[in-house]
N, C-alpha and C. Protein backbone atom coordinates (compact mmCIF):
# COMPACT_ATOMS: atom_id res chain seq x y z
N MET A 1 94.60 82.09 72.49
CA MET A 1 95.72 81.97 73.34
C MET A 1 96.17 83.60 73.88
N LYS A 2 96.08 84.46 73.32
CA LYS A 2 96.50 85.90 73.63
C LYS A 2 95.25 86.15 75.05
N LYS A 3 93.86 85.74 74.71
CA LYS A 3 92.93 86.17 76.03
C LYS A 3 93.34 85.32 76.78
N CYS A 4 93.72 84.30 77.24
CA CYS A 4 94.28 83.41 78.38
C CYS A 4 95.29 84.44 78.69
N ILE A 5 96.20 84.67 78.18
CA ILE A 5 97.49 85.59 78.67
C ILE A 5 96.85 86.44 79.40
N PHE A 6 96.11 87.36 78.77
CA PHE A 6 95.44 89.02 79.41
C PHE A 6 94.95 88.51 80.46
N PHE A 7 93.84 87.56 80.64
CA PHE A 7 93.15 87.04 81.88
C PHE A 7 94.03 86.87 82.84
N VAL A 8 95.02 86.21 82.70
CA VAL A 8 95.90 85.49 83.63
C VAL A 8 96.69 87.05 84.26
N LEU A 9 97.19 87.85 83.37
CA LEU A 9 97.81 89.16 84.00
C LEU A 9 97.30 90.04 84.61
N ILE A 10 95.78 89.97 84.17
CA ILE A 10 95.27 91.17 85.03
C ILE A 10 95.24 91.03 86.64
N PRO A 11 94.97 89.72 87.03
CA PRO A 11 95.02 89.85 88.66
C PRO A 11 96.17 89.76 89.18
N ILE A 12 97.45 89.45 88.50
CA ILE A 12 98.74 90.09 88.86
C ILE A 12 99.01 91.30 88.96
N LEU A 13 98.91 91.86 87.84
CA LEU A 13 99.01 93.15 87.66
C LEU A 13 98.20 93.96 88.72
N ALA A 14 97.06 93.63 88.97
CA ALA A 14 96.12 94.42 89.94
C ALA A 14 96.45 94.38 91.63
N ALA A 15 97.39 93.18 91.94
CA ALA A 15 97.68 92.88 93.00
C ALA A 15 99.10 93.92 93.29
N CYS A 16 99.86 94.43 92.60
CA CYS A 16 100.98 95.04 92.40
C CYS A 16 100.69 96.46 93.73
N GLY A 17 101.53 96.38 94.64
CA GLY A 17 101.23 97.18 95.70
C GLY A 17 100.42 97.02 96.48
N LYS A 18 100.74 97.90 97.83
CA LYS A 18 99.72 97.59 99.24
C LYS A 18 98.62 98.94 98.96
N LYS A 19 97.59 98.68 99.17
CA LYS A 19 96.71 99.64 99.29
C LYS A 19 96.69 100.73 100.60
N VAL A 20 96.74 101.84 100.40
CA VAL A 20 97.20 102.58 101.53
C VAL A 20 96.27 102.70 103.08
N THR A 21 95.07 102.29 102.91
CA THR A 21 94.22 102.19 103.75
C THR A 21 94.37 101.08 104.68
N LYS A 22 94.96 100.03 103.98
CA LYS A 22 95.55 98.52 104.44
C LYS A 22 96.61 98.88 105.68
N SER A 23 97.97 99.41 105.05
CA SER A 23 99.03 99.20 105.57
C SER A 23 99.69 100.81 105.52
N TYR A 24 99.10 101.67 105.27
CA TYR A 24 99.68 103.11 105.70
C TYR A 24 98.59 103.75 106.04
N GLN A 25 98.27 103.54 106.92
CA GLN A 25 96.73 104.43 107.44
C GLN A 25 97.28 105.96 107.73
N ASP A 26 98.29 106.22 107.94
CA ASP A 26 98.31 107.69 107.98
C ASP A 26 98.57 108.42 107.20
N MET A 27 98.81 107.90 105.99
CA MET A 27 98.53 108.53 104.36
C MET A 27 97.52 109.52 104.26
N VAL A 28 96.27 108.93 105.07
CA VAL A 28 95.03 108.88 104.57
C VAL A 28 94.34 110.39 105.33
N GLY A 29 94.09 111.42 104.18
CA GLY A 29 93.54 112.53 104.69
C GLY A 29 94.15 113.53 103.11
N VAL A 30 94.16 114.84 103.43
CA VAL A 30 94.34 116.08 102.64
C VAL A 30 95.67 116.50 103.21
N TRP A 31 96.92 116.36 102.13
CA TRP A 31 97.99 116.77 102.34
C TRP A 31 98.06 118.05 101.54
N SER A 32 98.82 119.10 101.98
CA SER A 32 98.93 120.04 100.97
C SER A 32 100.36 120.84 101.18
N SER A 33 100.71 121.62 100.33
CA SER A 33 102.19 122.38 100.34
C SER A 33 101.95 123.25 99.45
N SER A 34 103.06 124.04 99.52
CA SER A 34 102.75 125.42 98.67
C SER A 34 104.50 125.80 98.31
N SER A 35 104.84 126.26 97.18
CA SER A 35 106.63 126.35 96.92
C SER A 35 106.58 127.21 95.60
N ASN A 36 107.10 128.51 95.89
CA ASN A 36 107.60 129.43 94.54
C ASN A 36 105.78 129.35 93.64
N ASN A 37 105.20 129.92 94.53
CA ASN A 37 103.47 130.22 93.56
C ASN A 37 102.84 129.21 92.99
N VAL A 38 103.34 127.74 93.47
CA VAL A 38 103.00 126.56 92.98
C VAL A 38 102.38 125.61 94.34
N ASN A 39 100.94 125.57 94.05
CA ASN A 39 100.23 124.79 95.35
C ASN A 39 100.00 123.36 94.92
N TYR A 40 100.20 122.63 95.72
CA TYR A 40 100.26 120.91 95.36
C TYR A 40 99.50 120.45 96.68
N THR A 41 98.63 119.77 96.51
CA THR A 41 97.49 118.96 97.06
C THR A 41 97.54 117.55 96.73
N ILE A 42 97.72 116.45 97.57
CA ILE A 42 97.33 115.21 97.94
C ILE A 42 96.26 114.94 98.53
N ASN A 43 94.84 114.19 98.25
CA ASN A 43 94.14 113.93 99.04
C ASN A 43 93.96 112.49 98.64
N ILE A 44 94.17 111.94 99.84
CA ILE A 44 94.04 109.92 99.85
C ILE A 44 92.88 109.59 100.66
N GLY A 45 91.84 109.29 99.93
CA GLY A 45 90.31 109.09 100.79
C GLY A 45 90.73 107.57 101.71
N SER A 46 89.51 107.48 102.61
CA SER A 46 89.59 106.00 103.51
C SER A 46 89.04 105.11 102.47
N ASP A 47 88.58 105.30 101.41
CA ASP A 47 88.07 104.08 100.42
C ASP A 47 89.32 103.92 99.29
N ASN A 48 90.66 104.33 99.56
CA ASN A 48 92.09 104.19 98.65
C ASN A 48 92.35 104.92 97.33
N SER A 49 90.67 105.90 97.53
CA SER A 49 91.30 106.55 96.43
C SER A 49 92.06 107.70 96.61
N GLY A 50 92.78 108.05 95.31
CA GLY A 50 93.66 109.44 95.47
C GLY A 50 93.70 110.33 94.42
N THR A 51 93.79 111.76 94.94
CA THR A 51 93.77 112.67 93.79
C THR A 51 95.23 113.42 94.02
N TYR A 52 95.63 113.97 93.36
CA TYR A 52 96.97 114.64 93.12
C TYR A 52 96.79 116.21 92.28
N SER A 53 96.69 117.13 92.75
CA SER A 53 96.72 118.49 91.88
C SER A 53 98.23 119.18 92.21
N GLU A 54 98.70 120.28 91.08
CA GLU A 54 99.70 120.95 91.31
C GLU A 54 99.05 122.14 90.22
N CYS A 55 98.99 123.33 91.12
CA CYS A 55 98.38 124.42 90.55
C CYS A 55 99.22 125.77 90.71
N SER A 56 99.35 126.53 89.66
CA SER A 56 100.10 127.46 89.68
C SER A 56 99.50 128.70 88.73
N GLY A 57 98.51 129.50 89.76
CA GLY A 57 97.50 130.45 89.34
C GLY A 57 96.39 129.62 89.27
N LEU A 58 95.24 130.12 88.70
CA LEU A 58 93.77 130.14 88.69
C LEU A 58 93.33 129.08 87.55
N LEU A 59 94.05 129.01 86.56
CA LEU A 59 93.80 128.17 85.50
C LEU A 59 94.76 127.02 85.12
N SER A 60 96.07 127.20 85.82
CA SER A 60 96.85 126.46 85.18
C SER A 60 97.27 124.98 86.14
N CYS A 61 96.58 124.09 85.99
CA CYS A 61 96.14 122.94 87.42
C CYS A 61 96.78 121.67 86.22
N THR A 62 97.78 121.10 87.14
CA THR A 62 97.97 119.34 86.64
C THR A 62 97.51 118.47 87.57
N GLU A 63 96.43 117.60 87.23
CA GLU A 63 95.33 116.75 88.30
C GLU A 63 95.76 115.38 87.95
N TYR A 64 95.90 114.57 88.99
CA TYR A 64 96.01 112.86 88.56
C TYR A 64 94.86 112.18 89.43
N SER A 65 94.77 111.38 89.25
CA SER A 65 93.41 110.45 90.43
C SER A 65 93.66 108.99 89.87
N GLY A 66 93.11 108.36 90.85
CA GLY A 66 92.93 106.95 90.75
C GLY A 66 93.09 106.24 92.15
N GLN A 67 93.05 104.99 92.12
CA GLN A 67 93.02 103.97 93.36
C GLN A 67 94.73 104.44 93.80
N ALA A 68 95.04 105.05 95.21
CA ALA A 68 95.94 105.27 95.78
C ALA A 68 96.63 103.59 96.63
N LYS A 69 97.78 103.49 96.24
CA LYS A 69 98.67 102.39 96.75
C LYS A 69 100.34 102.48 97.03
N VAL A 70 101.00 101.94 98.01
CA VAL A 70 102.27 101.88 98.03
C VAL A 70 102.94 100.74 97.66
N ASN A 71 103.72 101.07 97.11
CA ASN A 71 104.70 99.73 96.87
C ASN A 71 106.43 100.33 96.64
N ASP A 72 107.18 99.97 97.15
CA ASP A 72 108.71 99.54 97.04
C ASP A 72 109.20 101.28 97.23
N GLY A 73 108.64 102.02 97.72
CA GLY A 73 108.73 103.75 98.13
C GLY A 73 108.52 104.48 97.44
N TYR A 74 107.34 103.91 96.78
CA TYR A 74 106.61 104.81 95.92
C TYR A 74 105.02 104.91 96.13
N LEU A 75 104.35 105.95 95.81
CA LEU A 75 102.82 106.16 96.21
C LEU A 75 102.75 106.21 94.84
N LYS A 76 101.47 105.56 94.33
CA LYS A 76 100.89 105.67 93.10
C LYS A 76 99.68 105.98 92.83
N LEU A 77 99.00 106.74 92.42
CA LEU A 77 97.74 107.33 92.13
C LEU A 77 97.13 107.02 90.86
N GLY A 78 96.63 106.05 90.57
CA GLY A 78 96.18 105.59 89.25
C GLY A 78 97.72 105.42 88.32
N PHE A 79 97.88 105.68 87.35
CA PHE A 79 98.89 105.41 86.55
C PHE A 79 100.10 106.38 86.97
N LYS A 80 100.08 107.50 87.75
CA LYS A 80 101.14 108.16 88.08
C LYS A 80 101.84 107.63 89.17
N LYS A 81 103.07 108.00 89.31
CA LYS A 81 103.95 107.28 90.16
C LYS A 81 104.80 108.51 91.15
N PHE A 82 104.75 108.44 92.45
CA PHE A 82 105.25 109.80 93.26
C PHE A 82 106.74 108.91 93.97
N LYS A 83 107.93 109.30 94.31
CA LYS A 83 108.73 108.94 95.00
C LYS A 83 108.34 109.26 96.63
N ILE A 84 108.41 108.40 97.58
CA ILE A 84 108.13 108.84 98.83
C ILE A 84 109.49 108.97 99.51
N ASP A 85 110.17 110.23 99.87
CA ASP A 85 111.04 110.34 100.17
C ASP A 85 111.29 110.48 101.91
N THR A 86 109.81 110.78 102.45
CA THR A 86 109.66 110.58 103.95
C THR A 86 108.56 110.00 103.91
N TYR A 87 108.03 109.17 104.67
CA TYR A 87 106.58 108.33 105.27
C TYR A 87 106.09 109.43 106.22
N PRO A 88 105.03 109.65 106.16
CA PRO A 88 104.07 110.40 107.31
C PRO A 88 104.76 110.22 108.64
N VAL A 89 105.27 111.61 109.24
CA VAL A 89 105.81 111.60 110.60
C VAL A 89 104.69 112.84 111.41
N GLN A 90 104.65 112.37 112.79
CA GLN A 90 104.09 113.53 113.67
C GLN A 90 104.92 114.27 114.28
N ALA A 91 105.01 115.66 114.46
CA ALA A 91 106.31 115.78 115.25
C ALA A 91 105.32 117.06 115.36
N ALA A 92 105.79 117.65 116.85
CA ALA A 92 104.83 118.95 117.50
C ALA A 92 103.60 119.39 117.12
N GLY A 93 102.47 117.95 116.79
CA GLY A 93 101.42 118.26 116.83
C GLY A 93 101.04 118.42 115.20
N PHE A 94 101.84 118.23 114.33
CA PHE A 94 101.70 118.13 113.01
C PHE A 94 101.94 117.08 112.07
N TRP A 95 101.46 116.71 111.08
CA TRP A 95 101.94 115.50 110.25
C TRP A 95 102.48 116.15 109.33
N TYR A 96 103.59 115.32 108.35
CA TYR A 96 104.18 115.99 107.23
C TYR A 96 104.55 114.49 106.68
N MET A 97 104.85 114.53 105.54
CA MET A 97 105.66 113.91 104.71
C MET A 97 106.26 114.42 103.22
N LYS A 98 107.00 113.75 102.68
CA LYS A 98 108.01 114.30 101.43
C LYS A 98 107.87 113.33 100.33
N ILE A 99 107.22 113.89 99.51
CA ILE A 99 107.10 113.02 98.50
C ILE A 99 107.57 113.75 97.43
N ASP A 100 108.60 113.06 96.23
CA ASP A 100 109.06 113.77 95.32
C ASP A 100 109.63 115.05 95.83
N GLY A 101 110.48 115.07 96.61
CA GLY A 101 111.30 116.21 97.15
C GLY A 101 110.42 117.43 97.53
N VAL A 102 109.06 117.46 97.71
CA VAL A 102 108.32 118.46 98.56
C VAL A 102 107.57 117.89 99.56
N THR A 103 107.66 118.95 100.54
CA THR A 103 107.23 118.58 101.98
C THR A 103 105.79 118.86 102.14
N TYR A 104 104.70 118.06 102.42
CA TYR A 104 103.40 118.25 102.55
C TYR A 104 102.68 117.98 104.31
N TYR A 105 101.66 118.63 104.09
CA TYR A 105 101.47 118.73 105.86
C TYR A 105 100.05 119.00 105.61
N LYS A 106 99.78 117.81 106.70
CA LYS A 106 97.57 117.55 107.33
C LYS A 106 97.85 118.02 108.33
């Protein structure tokens, strides 16, 4: 019985969120920001892969990676969830978006 429930839930959970490349094409690319000696990078590939890194110094980095999805105002990279404050916007020839209070540019 437990196996039946498991196999029923997997497709349901996997379907949560929209793939970035399908519905949010403007998010694809390398986004970066810097604040208070911390460098932030979000890289969303055309294959829906995503990586996030937050580095303060050469050896102190936090990284997350996984499939990139957007759902209910959040960007998910694998199991890590980021709040989208501002979706990608182009102004004066530059793209920017605001994630978890940090403004990123590409």
